[in-house]
Amino acid sequence: MARIRVGLLPTASFMVGNLPVPKYADAEKTQFAVDRETGAKLFVITLFFMEDDRAEAMKITVPETGLPNGLKPGMPVMPVELFATPWARIFNGSLSDGIAYRAERLDLVGAAAPSSDAA
């Protein structure tokens, strides 16, 4: 399967849409999907991708080890090592296709880094 590195313009930005949810390896949701190389659990997170005058919601798979602490909806992040993999399948005579996105990690951007509260 072709993996295509996603090139981003310097004006591109991403914002967390929802918190990461576990990705499962089976339809019954009994086994977590894991990274083949590291064995880390995989999660799917929805990010809003903004560039120029447009915005899109993207679901991106990220290993648990690549998720920063303190993620919250609305936080600015940047996917690192973002790849796109086109896919297609025929199920019950109907063609389904799309693009699966995968990132090595998400970096918090700017002032989004969690601060420690002094007690």
C-alpha atoms as a PDB file:
ATOM      1  CA  MET A   1       0.000   0.000   0.000  1.00  0.00           C
ATOM      2  CA  ALA A   2       1.323   3.449  -0.900  1.00  0.00           C
ATOM      3  CA  ARG A   3       2.179   5.762   1.971  1.00  0.00           C
ATOM      4  CA  ILE A   4       2.381   9.394   0.946  1.00  0.00           C
ATOM      5  CA  ARG A   5       4.115  11.982   3.112  1.00  0.00           C
ATOM      6  CA  VAL A   6       1.817  14.972   3.617  1.00  0.00           C
ATOM      7  CA  GLY A   7       3.539  18.276   2.959  1.00  0.00           C
ATOM      8  CA  LEU A   8       2.088  21.224   4.844  1.00  0.00           C
ATOM      9  CA  LEU A   9       2.393  24.910   4.037  1.00  0.00           C
ATOM     10  CA  PRO A  10       3.799  27.151   6.781  1.00  0.00           C
ATOM     11  CA  THR A  11       0.316  28.707   7.077  1.00  0.00           C
ATOM     12  CA  ALA A  12      -1.309  25.358   7.937  1.00  0.00           C
ATOM     13  CA  SER A  13      -2.641  24.915  11.453  1.00  0.00           C
ATOM     14  CA  PHE A  14      -4.461  22.182  13.358  1.00  0.00           C
ATOM     15  CA  MET A  15      -6.822  22.301  16.322  1.00  0.00           C
ATOM     16  CA  VAL A  16      -8.012  19.383  18.459  1.00  0.00           C
ATOM     17  CA  GLY A  17     -11.645  18.574  17.687  1.00  0.00           C
ATOM     18  CA  ASN A  18     -12.208  15.738  20.144  1.00  0.00           C
ATOM     19  CA  LEU A  19     -10.191  13.659  22.565  1.00  0.00           C
ATOM     20  CA  PRO A  20      -8.401  10.557  21.239  1.00  0.00           C
ATOM     21  CA  VAL A  21     -10.385   7.311  21.188  1.00  0.00           C
ATOM     22  CA  PRO A  22      -8.873   3.819  21.045  1.00  0.00           C
ATOM     23  CA  LYS A  23      -8.536   2.178  17.654  1.00  0.00           C
ATOM     24  CA  TYR A  24      -9.575  -1.474  17.575  1.00  0.00           C
ATOM     25  CA  ALA A  25      -8.212  -4.331  15.482  1.00  0.00           C
ATOM     26  CA  ASP A  26     -11.541  -6.180  15.308  1.00  0.00           C
ATOM     27  CA  ALA A  27     -15.188  -5.317  14.689  1.00  0.00           C
ATOM     28  CA  GLU A  28     -16.195  -6.579  18.152  1.00  0.00           C
ATOM     29  CA  LYS A  29     -13.843  -4.028  19.760  1.00  0.00           C
ATOM     30  CA  THR A  30     -12.125  -6.610  21.936  1.00  0.00           C
ATOM     31  CA  GLN A  31      -8.513  -6.040  20.809  1.00  0.00           C
ATOM     32  CA  PHE A  32      -6.676  -2.730  20.590  1.00  0.00           C
ATOM     33  CA  ALA A  33      -4.916  -1.966  17.326  1.00  0.00           C
ATOM     34  CA  VAL A  34      -1.186  -1.604  17.948  1.00  0.00           C
ATOM     35  CA  ASP A  35       1.773  -0.162  16.104  1.00  0.00           C
ATOM     36  CA  ARG A  36       3.546  -2.988  14.276  1.00  0.00           C
ATOM     37  CA  GLU A  37       7.016  -1.719  15.160  1.00  0.00           C
ATOM     38  CA  THR A  38       6.636  -0.528  18.752  1.00  0.00           C
ATOM     39  CA  GLY A  39       3.559  -2.355  20.041  1.00  0.00           C
ATOM     40  CA  ALA A  40       2.083   0.970  21.281  1.00  0.00           C
ATOM     41  CA  LYS A  41      -1.717   1.199  21.350  1.00  0.00           C
ATOM     42  CA  LEU A  42      -3.192   3.264  18.522  1.00  0.00           C
ATOM     43  CA  PHE A  43      -5.693   6.071  18.998  1.00  0.00           C
ATOM     44  CA  VAL A  44      -7.798   8.102  16.564  1.00  0.00           C
ATOM     45  CA  ILE A  45      -8.189  11.821  17.088  1.00  0.00           C
ATOM     46  CA  THR A  46     -10.217  14.316  15.100  1.00  0.00           C
ATOM     47  CA  LEU A  47      -8.273  17.439  14.226  1.00  0.00           C
ATOM     48  CA  PHE A  48      -9.498  20.509  12.382  1.00  0.00           C
ATOM     49  CA  PHE A  49      -7.047  21.320   9.596  1.00  0.00           C
ATOM     50  CA  MET A  50      -7.046  24.997   8.621  1.00  0.00           C
ATOM     51  CA  GLU A  51      -5.248  26.520   5.677  1.00  0.00           C
ATOM     52  CA  ASP A  52      -5.957  29.750   3.820  1.00  0.00           C
ATOM     53  CA  ASP A  53      -9.737  30.208   3.759  1.00  0.00           C
ATOM     54  CA  ARG A  54     -10.793  26.613   4.386  1.00  0.00           C
ATOM     55  CA  ALA A  55     -11.091  24.113   7.207  1.00  0.00           C
ATOM     56  CA  GLU A  56     -11.555  20.343   7.221  1.00  0.00           C
ATOM     57  CA  ALA A  57     -12.074  17.749   9.930  1.00  0.00           C
ATOM     58  CA  MET A  58      -9.482  14.952   9.692  1.00  0.00           C
ATOM     59  CA  LYS A  59      -9.308  11.710  11.644  1.00  0.00           C
ATOM     60  CA  ILE A  60      -5.670  10.890  12.321  1.00  0.00           C
ATOM     61  CA  THR A  61      -4.270   7.727  13.889  1.00  0.00           C
ATOM     62  CA  VAL A  62      -1.531   8.373  16.465  1.00  0.00           C
ATOM     63  CA  PRO A  63       0.261   5.910  18.772  1.00  0.00           C
ATOM     64  CA  GLU A  64      -0.373   6.406  22.483  1.00  0.00           C
ATOM     65  CA  THR A  65       3.296   7.366  22.917  1.00  0.00           C
ATOM     66  CA  GLY A  66       2.768  10.280  20.486  1.00  0.00           C
ATOM     67  CA  LEU A  67      -0.108  11.902  22.366  1.00  0.00           C
ATOM     68  CA  PRO A  68       0.907  14.821  24.611  1.00  0.00           C
ATOM     69  CA  ASN A  69      -0.532  15.089  28.116  1.00  0.00           C
ATOM     70  CA  GLY A  70      -3.307  17.577  28.678  1.00  0.00           C
ATOM     71  CA  LEU A  71      -4.921  17.467  25.231  1.00  0.00           C
ATOM     72  CA  LYS A  72      -8.259  19.281  25.152  1.00  0.00           C
ATOM     73  CA  PRO A  73     -10.650  20.260  22.357  1.00  0.00           C
ATOM     74  CA  GLY A  74      -9.648  23.599  20.856  1.00  0.00           C
ATOM     75  CA  MET A  75      -5.924  23.245  21.594  1.00  0.00           C
ATOM     76  CA  PRO A  76      -3.544  24.013  18.717  1.00  0.00           C
ATOM     77  CA  VAL A  77      -1.355  21.051  17.741  1.00  0.00           C
ATOM     78  CA  MET A  78       0.877  20.030  14.843  1.00  0.00           C
ATOM     79  CA  PRO A  79       1.069  16.452  13.542  1.00  0.00           C
ATOM     80  CA  VAL A  80       4.656  15.240  13.074  1.00  0.00           C
ATOM     81  CA  GLU A  81       5.555  12.780  10.300  1.00  0.00           C
ATOM     82  CA  LEU A  82       2.049  12.888   8.812  1.00  0.00           C
ATOM     83  CA  PHE A  83       1.333  10.290   6.119  1.00  0.00           C
ATOM     84  CA  ALA A  84      -1.715   9.575   3.959  1.00  0.00           C
ATOM     85  CA  THR A  85      -2.614   6.070   2.755  1.00  0.00           C
ATOM     86  CA  PRO A  86      -5.322   5.749   0.076  1.00  0.00           C
ATOM     87  CA  TRP A  87      -7.566   2.707   0.506  1.00  0.00           C
ATOM     88  CA  ALA A  88     -10.461   1.024  -1.273  1.00  0.00           C
ATOM     89  CA  ARG A  89     -12.561  -2.079  -0.671  1.00  0.00           C
ATOM     90  CA  ILE A  90     -15.647  -3.747  -2.052  1.00  0.00           C
ATOM     91  CA  PHE A  91     -18.215  -4.830   0.535  1.00  0.00           C
ATOM     92  CA  ASN A  92     -21.551  -6.348  -0.475  1.00  0.00           C
ATOM     93  CA  GLY A  93     -20.957  -5.203  -4.048  1.00  0.00           C
ATOM     94  CA  SER A  94     -20.381  -1.554  -3.119  1.00  0.00           C
ATOM     95  CA  LEU A  95     -17.083   0.251  -3.435  1.00  0.00           C
ATOM     96  CA  SER A  96     -15.868   2.235  -0.433  1.00  0.00           C
ATOM     97  CA  ASP A  97     -12.717   4.319  -0.553  1.00  0.00           C
ATOM     98  CA  GLY A  98     -10.922   7.017   1.346  1.00  0.00           C
ATOM     99  CA  ILE A  99      -7.649   8.167   2.827  1.00  0.00           C
ATOM    100  CA  ALA A 100      -6.263   7.003   6.168  1.00  0.00           C
ATOM    101  CA  TYR A 101      -4.025   9.505   7.974  1.00  0.00           C
ATOM    102  CA  ARG A 102      -1.282   8.528  10.399  1.00  0.00           C
ATOM    103  CA  ALA A 103       1.112  10.694  12.423  1.00  0.00           C
ATOM    104  CA  GLU A 104       4.079   9.706  14.573  1.00  0.00           C
ATOM    105  CA  ARG A 105       3.062  12.230  17.226  1.00  0.00           C
ATOM    106  CA  LEU A 106       1.240  15.458  17.961  1.00  0.00           C
ATOM    107  CA  ASP A 107       3.186  18.454  19.222  1.00  0.00           C
ATOM    108  CA  LEU A 108       1.475  21.164  21.241  1.00  0.00           C
ATOM    109  CA  VAL A 109       1.811  24.558  19.556  1.00  0.00           C
ATOM    110  CA  GLY A 110       2.647  27.876  21.230  1.00  0.00           C
ATOM    111  CA  ALA A 111       1.004  28.622  24.560  1.00  0.00           C
ATOM    112  CA  ALA A 112      -0.934  25.345  24.427  1.00  0.00           C
ATOM    113  CA  ALA A 113       1.658  23.520  26.533  1.00  0.00           C
ATOM    114  CA  PRO A 114       0.070  22.553  29.872  1.00  0.00           C
ATOM    115  CA  SER A 115       1.228  24.717  32.746  1.00  0.00           C
ATOM    116  CA  SER A 116       1.753  23.486  36.268  1.00  0.00           C
ATOM    117  CA  ASP A 117      -0.564  25.199  38.714  1.00  0.00           C
ATOM    118  CA  ALA A 118       1.112  26.446  41.873  1.00  0.00           C
ATOM    119  CA  ALA A 119      -0.871  25.334  44.899  1.00  0.00           C
END
